[in-house]
């Protein structure tokens, strides 16, 4: 019997990035759910108790900094990974300051996305006892 796939949420609207994330989810035994707004992503993350939330920088209707803060407040606190065309020290510091976990260059590249998702999953699993 296979273990139940770990749920992750993606507020990513680009079709190519969505397809890549579907492929990664299949290979990494993850159950991916796509959202079209920050509110929908937050609700999914809470309901599914998502380990990871991916969020693109161009969030509809709000600044990405607010979206990261809101998404990081879901329970049990998911690892929020921002996808952004700009990846530099400023963006990374902003992510961490607002409770996020990492930033990935967009459009997504398979190896980078797999690495970031695996690292976030490891971190999330290792901190499970702290959340209890």
C-alpha atoms as a PDB file:
ATOM      1  CA  UNK A   1       0.000   0.000   0.000  1.00  0.00           C
ATOM      2  CA  UNK A   2       1.405   3.389  -1.025  1.00  0.00           C
ATOM      3  CA  UNK A   3       1.466   6.277   1.443  1.00  0.00           C
ATOM      4  CA  UNK A   4      -1.014   9.102   0.979  1.00  0.00           C
ATOM      5  CA  UNK A   5       0.495  11.884  -1.195  1.00  0.00           C
ATOM      6  CA  UNK A   6       1.443  15.065   0.672  1.00  0.00           C
ATOM      7  CA  UNK A   7      -0.776  18.006  -0.308  1.00  0.00           C
ATOM      8  CA  UNK A   8       0.753  21.176  -1.689  1.00  0.00           C
ATOM      9  CA  UNK A   9      -0.961  24.312  -2.979  1.00  0.00           C
ATOM     10  CA  UNK A  10       0.181  26.432  -5.918  1.00  0.00           C
ATOM     11  CA  UNK A  11      -0.998  29.974  -6.604  1.00  0.00           C
ATOM     12  CA  UNK A  12       0.620  29.804 -10.025  1.00  0.00           C
ATOM     13  CA  UNK A  13      -1.353  30.816 -13.106  1.00  0.00           C
ATOM     14  CA  UNK A  14       1.204  30.267 -15.886  1.00  0.00           C
ATOM     15  CA  UNK A  15       0.217  27.150 -17.865  1.00  0.00           C
ATOM     16  CA  UNK A  16       3.817  25.984 -18.415  1.00  0.00           C
ATOM     17  CA  UNK A  17       4.649  26.322 -14.716  1.00  0.00           C
ATOM     18  CA  UNK A  18       1.431  24.495 -13.788  1.00  0.00           C
ATOM     19  CA  UNK A  19       2.269  21.624 -16.120  1.00  0.00           C
ATOM     20  CA  UNK A  20       5.799  21.363 -14.738  1.00  0.00           C
ATOM     21  CA  UNK A  21       4.447  21.366 -11.168  1.00  0.00           C
ATOM     22  CA  UNK A  22       1.972  18.587 -12.077  1.00  0.00           C
ATOM     23  CA  UNK A  23       4.859  16.474 -13.426  1.00  0.00           C
ATOM     24  CA  UNK A  24       6.972  17.127 -10.328  1.00  0.00           C
ATOM     25  CA  UNK A  25       4.034  16.328  -8.040  1.00  0.00           C
ATOM     26  CA  UNK A  26       3.516  12.981  -9.785  1.00  0.00           C
ATOM     27  CA  UNK A  27       7.184  12.049  -9.470  1.00  0.00           C
ATOM     28  CA  UNK A  28       7.594  13.294  -5.897  1.00  0.00           C
ATOM     29  CA  UNK A  29       4.354  11.706  -4.651  1.00  0.00           C
ATOM     30  CA  UNK A  30       2.656  15.037  -3.936  1.00  0.00           C
ATOM     31  CA  UNK A  31      -0.998  15.980  -4.290  1.00  0.00           C
ATOM     32  CA  UNK A  32      -1.005  19.389  -5.984  1.00  0.00           C
ATOM     33  CA  UNK A  33      -3.942  21.796  -5.823  1.00  0.00           C
ATOM     34  CA  UNK A  34      -3.983  24.984  -7.893  1.00  0.00           C
ATOM     35  CA  UNK A  35      -5.526  28.244  -6.720  1.00  0.00           C
ATOM     36  CA  UNK A  36      -6.327  31.434  -8.593  1.00  0.00           C
ATOM     37  CA  UNK A  37      -6.267  33.859  -5.651  1.00  0.00           C
ATOM     38  CA  UNK A  38      -4.522  34.288  -2.329  1.00  0.00           C
ATOM     39  CA  UNK A  39      -7.771  33.657  -0.444  1.00  0.00           C
ATOM     40  CA  UNK A  40      -8.395  30.427  -2.322  1.00  0.00           C
ATOM     41  CA  UNK A  41      -4.791  29.298  -1.728  1.00  0.00           C
ATOM     42  CA  UNK A  42      -5.037  30.105   1.995  1.00  0.00           C
ATOM     43  CA  UNK A  43      -8.326  28.203   2.313  1.00  0.00           C
ATOM     44  CA  UNK A  44      -6.882  25.177   0.489  1.00  0.00           C
ATOM     45  CA  UNK A  45      -3.693  25.242   2.574  1.00  0.00           C
ATOM     46  CA  UNK A  46      -5.722  25.264   5.791  1.00  0.00           C
ATOM     47  CA  UNK A  47      -8.249  22.635   4.710  1.00  0.00           C
ATOM     48  CA  UNK A  48      -5.600  20.273   3.305  1.00  0.00           C
ATOM     49  CA  UNK A  49      -2.960  21.082   5.943  1.00  0.00           C
ATOM     50  CA  UNK A  50      -0.565  21.698   3.095  1.00  0.00           C
ATOM     51  CA  UNK A  51       3.168  21.299   3.608  1.00  0.00           C
ATOM     52  CA  UNK A  52       4.114  23.724   0.830  1.00  0.00           C
ATOM     53  CA  UNK A  53       2.469  26.698  -0.845  1.00  0.00           C
ATOM     54  CA  UNK A  54       3.991  28.029  -4.047  1.00  0.00           C
ATOM     55  CA  UNK A  55       3.007  31.601  -4.838  1.00  0.00           C
ATOM     56  CA  UNK A  56       3.867  33.635  -7.905  1.00  0.00           C
ATOM     57  CA  UNK A  57       5.069  37.193  -7.484  1.00  0.00           C
ATOM     58  CA  UNK A  58       2.196  38.677  -9.508  1.00  0.00           C
ATOM     59  CA  UNK A  59      -0.595  37.782  -7.094  1.00  0.00           C
ATOM     60  CA  UNK A  60      -3.966  39.051  -8.302  1.00  0.00           C
ATOM     61  CA  UNK A  61      -5.330  41.879  -6.176  1.00  0.00           C
ATOM     62  CA  UNK A  62      -2.465  42.346  -3.701  1.00  0.00           C
ATOM     63  CA  UNK A  63       1.228  42.884  -3.171  1.00  0.00           C
ATOM     64  CA  UNK A  64       3.278  39.690  -3.080  1.00  0.00           C
ATOM     65  CA  UNK A  65       4.714  40.581   0.340  1.00  0.00           C
ATOM     66  CA  UNK A  66       1.203  40.559   1.839  1.00  0.00           C
ATOM     67  CA  UNK A  67       0.359  37.309   0.041  1.00  0.00           C
ATOM     68  CA  UNK A  68       3.435  35.586   1.491  1.00  0.00           C
ATOM     69  CA  UNK A  69       2.564  36.780   5.005  1.00  0.00           C
ATOM     70  CA  UNK A  70      -1.050  35.602   4.656  1.00  0.00           C
ATOM     71  CA  UNK A  71      -0.147  32.225   3.149  1.00  0.00           C
ATOM     72  CA  UNK A  72       2.511  31.593   5.808  1.00  0.00           C
ATOM     73  CA  UNK A  73      -0.211  32.019   8.452  1.00  0.00           C
ATOM     74  CA  UNK A  74      -2.106  28.915   7.268  1.00  0.00           C
ATOM     75  CA  UNK A  75      -2.148  25.965   9.655  1.00  0.00           C
ATOM     76  CA  UNK A  76      -0.042  23.979  10.085  1.00  0.00           C
ATOM     77  CA  UNK A  77       2.384  26.645   8.890  1.00  0.00           C
ATOM     78  CA  UNK A  78       3.384  25.663   5.329  1.00  0.00           C
ATOM     79  CA  UNK A  79       6.676  26.449   3.655  1.00  0.00           C
ATOM     80  CA  UNK A  80       5.851  29.303   1.266  1.00  0.00           C
ATOM     81  CA  UNK A  81       7.960  29.429  -1.878  1.00  0.00           C
ATOM     82  CA  UNK A  82       7.690  32.546  -4.043  1.00  0.00           C
ATOM     83  CA  UNK A  83       8.186  32.244  -7.798  1.00  0.00           C
ATOM     84  CA  UNK A  84       9.607  35.444  -9.246  1.00  0.00           C
ATOM     85  CA  UNK A  85      11.327  36.689 -12.397  1.00  0.00           C
ATOM     86  CA  UNK A  86      13.646  38.583 -10.024  1.00  0.00           C
ATOM     87  CA  UNK A  87      15.643  36.523  -7.531  1.00  0.00           C
ATOM     88  CA  UNK A  88      18.129  38.457  -5.449  1.00  0.00           C
ATOM     89  CA  UNK A  89      19.103  39.020  -1.817  1.00  0.00           C
ATOM     90  CA  UNK A  90      16.425  41.691  -1.342  1.00  0.00           C
ATOM     91  CA  UNK A  91      13.603  39.366  -2.458  1.00  0.00           C
ATOM     92  CA  UNK A  92      14.944  36.483  -0.377  1.00  0.00           C
ATOM     93  CA  UNK A  93      15.160  38.696   2.751  1.00  0.00           C
ATOM     94  CA  UNK A  94      11.616  39.941   2.134  1.00  0.00           C
ATOM     95  CA  UNK A  95      10.374  36.345   1.867  1.00  0.00           C
ATOM     96  CA  UNK A  96      11.993  35.285   5.118  1.00  0.00           C
ATOM     97  CA  UNK A  97      10.900  38.453   6.937  1.00  0.00           C
ATOM     98  CA  UNK A  98       7.278  37.702   6.067  1.00  0.00           C
ATOM     99  CA  UNK A  99       7.438  34.057   7.121  1.00  0.00           C
ATOM    100  CA  UNK A 100       8.232  32.524   3.744  1.00  0.00           C
ATOM    101  CA  UNK A 101      10.722  29.785   3.030  1.00  0.00           C
ATOM    102  CA  UNK A 102      12.393  30.266  -0.353  1.00  0.00           C
ATOM    103  CA  UNK A 103      12.264  31.969  -3.744  1.00  0.00           C
ATOM    104  CA  UNK A 104      12.456  30.323  -7.168  1.00  0.00           C
ATOM    105  CA  UNK A 105      13.187  31.952 -10.509  1.00  0.00           C
ATOM    106  CA  UNK A 106      10.268  31.997 -12.924  1.00  0.00           C
ATOM    107  CA  UNK A 107       9.550  30.653 -15.383  1.00  0.00           C
ATOM    108  CA  UNK A 108      10.258  27.534 -13.342  1.00  0.00           C
ATOM    109  CA  UNK A 109      13.085  25.193 -14.206  1.00  0.00           C
ATOM    110  CA  UNK A 110      12.639  21.530 -13.330  1.00  0.00           C
ATOM    111  CA  UNK A 111      15.864  20.960 -11.372  1.00  0.00           C
ATOM    112  CA  UNK A 112      15.507  24.150  -9.334  1.00  0.00           C
ATOM    113  CA  UNK A 113      11.847  23.479  -8.561  1.00  0.00           C
ATOM    114  CA  UNK A 114      12.495  19.867  -7.513  1.00  0.00           C
ATOM    115  CA  UNK A 115      15.374  20.963  -5.272  1.00  0.00           C
ATOM    116  CA  UNK A 116      13.327  23.710  -3.598  1.00  0.00           C
ATOM    117  CA  UNK A 117      10.312  21.443  -3.084  1.00  0.00           C
ATOM    118  CA  UNK A 118      12.411  18.614  -1.647  1.00  0.00           C
ATOM    119  CA  UNK A 119      14.230  20.971   0.721  1.00  0.00           C
ATOM    120  CA  UNK A 120      10.962  22.559   1.848  1.00  0.00           C
ATOM    121  CA  UNK A 121       9.390  19.140   2.379  1.00  0.00           C
ATOM    122  CA  UNK A 122      12.363  17.999   4.451  1.00  0.00           C
ATOM    123  CA  UNK A 123      12.222  21.171   6.532  1.00  0.00           C
ATOM    124  CA  UNK A 124       8.446  20.856   6.999  1.00  0.00           C
ATOM    125  CA  UNK A 125       8.712  17.217   8.104  1.00  0.00           C
ATOM    126  CA  UNK A 126      11.626  17.962  10.455  1.00  0.00           C
ATOM    127  CA  UNK A 127       9.718  20.773  12.165  1.00  0.00           C
ATOM    128  CA  UNK A 128       6.491  18.772  12.577  1.00  0.00           C
ATOM    129  CA  UNK A 129       7.175  18.207  16.283  1.00  0.00           C
ATOM    130  CA  UNK A 130       7.608  21.933  16.853  1.00  0.00           C
ATOM    131  CA  UNK A 131       4.151  22.600  15.412  1.00  0.00           C
ATOM    132  CA  UNK A 132       2.420  20.192  17.800  1.00  0.00           C
END
